[in-house]
Protein backbone atom coordinates (compact mmCIF):
# COMPACT_ATOMS: atom_id res chain seq x y z
CA MET A 1 -3.28 -15.01 0.69
CA SER A 2 -0.28 -14.28 2.96
CA THR A 3 0.74 -10.80 4.01
CA PRO A 4 3.79 -9.60 2.06
CA ASP A 5 7.05 -8.90 3.87
CA ALA A 6 7.21 -5.13 4.47
CA HIS A 7 10.99 -5.19 4.04
CA LEU A 8 10.57 -6.13 0.38
CA HIS A 9 8.27 -3.16 -0.19
CA SER A 10 10.02 -0.56 2.00
CA GLN A 11 11.98 0.72 -1.00
CA TRP A 12 8.64 1.54 -2.66
CA ALA A 13 7.13 3.31 0.36
CA PRO A 14 7.88 6.88 -0.84
CA GLN A 15 6.43 6.16 -4.28
CA ILE A 16 3.32 4.53 -2.82
CA ARG A 17 2.77 7.49 -0.48
CA ARG A 18 2.96 9.87 -3.47
CA LEU A 19 0.11 8.10 -5.32
CA GLY A 20 -2.47 10.31 -3.65
CA PRO A 21 -5.50 9.17 -1.66
CA THR A 22 -6.38 6.37 -4.10
CA CYS A 23 -4.91 4.46 -7.03
CA ASP A 24 -6.32 2.29 -9.79
CA ILE A 25 -6.64 -1.49 -9.52
CA VAL A 26 -3.78 -2.22 -11.93
CA THR A 27 -1.34 -0.02 -9.97
CA ALA A 28 -2.42 -1.64 -6.71
CA ALA A 29 -1.96 -5.09 -8.26
CA ARG A 30 1.56 -4.25 -9.41
CA ILE A 31 2.45 -3.03 -5.92
CA LEU A 32 1.05 -6.27 -4.47
CA GLY A 33 2.96 -8.39 -6.98
CA PHE A 34 0.36 -9.66 -9.42
CA GLY A 35 -1.02 -8.67 -12.81
CA ARG A 36 -4.10 -7.06 -14.26
CA THR A 37 -5.99 -10.27 -15.05
CA THR A 38 -5.50 -11.65 -11.55
CA ALA A 39 -6.45 -8.28 -10.05
CA PHE A 40 -9.77 -8.13 -11.86
CA GLU A 41 -10.52 -11.78 -11.11
CA LEU A 42 -9.83 -11.26 -7.39
CA MET A 43 -11.95 -8.11 -7.45
CA ARG A 44 -14.87 -9.98 -9.07
CA GLN A 45 -14.59 -12.72 -6.43
CA GLY A 46 -14.48 -10.17 -3.61
CA ALA A 47 -11.03 -11.48 -2.72
CA PHE A 48 -8.80 -8.49 -3.56
CA PRO A 49 -6.42 -8.09 -0.58
CA VAL A 50 -7.68 -4.57 0.25
CA GLU A 51 -11.08 -2.91 -0.08
CA VAL A 52 -12.00 -1.87 -3.63
CA LEU A 53 -14.02 1.32 -3.99
CA ALA A 54 -16.56 1.64 -6.80
CA PHE A 55 -17.22 4.98 -8.48
CA GLY A 56 -19.58 4.11 -11.30
CA ARG A 57 -17.51 1.87 -13.58
CA VAL A 58 -14.22 3.03 -12.05
CA ARG A 59 -12.61 0.93 -9.32
CA ARG A 60 -10.03 2.40 -6.94
CA VAL A 61 -8.06 1.32 -3.88
CA ARG A 62 -7.16 3.56 -0.93
CA THR A 63 -3.42 4.15 -0.77
CA ALA A 64 -3.60 4.04 3.04
CA ASP A 65 -5.11 0.54 2.81
CA LEU A 66 -2.22 -0.62 0.60
CA LEU A 67 0.32 0.80 3.03
CA ALA A 68 -1.42 -0.87 5.97
CA TYR A 69 -1.60 -4.22 4.15
CA LEU A 70 2.13 -4.00 3.42
CA HIS A 71 2.88 -2.95 7.03
CA ILE A 72 4.38 0.33 5.82
CA PRO A 73 3.71 3.39 8.01
CA LEU A 74 1.33 5.91 6.51
CA THR A 75 3.77 8.75 7.12
CA ILE A 76 7.52 8.85 7.44
CA ASP A 77 7.37 10.09 11.05
CA GLN A 78 5.45 6.90 12.01
CA ALA A 79 8.33 4.72 10.80
CA GLU A 80 10.58 3.19 13.41
CA PRO A 81 14.10 4.65 13.40
CA THR A 82 16.85 2.43 12.06
CA ALA A 83 20.38 2.11 13.41
CA GLY A 84 21.61 4.75 10.93
CA ASP A 85 18.98 7.35 11.88
CA PRO A 86 20.04 10.19 14.18
CA PRO A 87 18.24 10.36 17.50
CA GLN A 88 15.13 12.55 17.44
CA PRO A 89 14.66 15.29 20.06
CA HIS A 90 11.83 14.73 22.51
CA ALA A 91 8.99 17.23 22.62
CA ALA A 92 8.92 19.29 25.81
């Protein structure tokens, strides 16, 4: 499975960051571009693109793992400035 282009997902970065520490498998699958059936099949095969956490019968994915897989910085201040961003002052 190839790593998705972060540029395609950069518009979703704020929404992904707001998911909280974890999200459900279906939400993670939608973010990664595939559906519920594929998500559960990949999970059963141990081939889901990021680690799946098991809490009893509930399966969750760390939001930080999704961001890392998509090459999206965990926080906004880790993002590289773009040409339109004002210069940031240096800490003394």
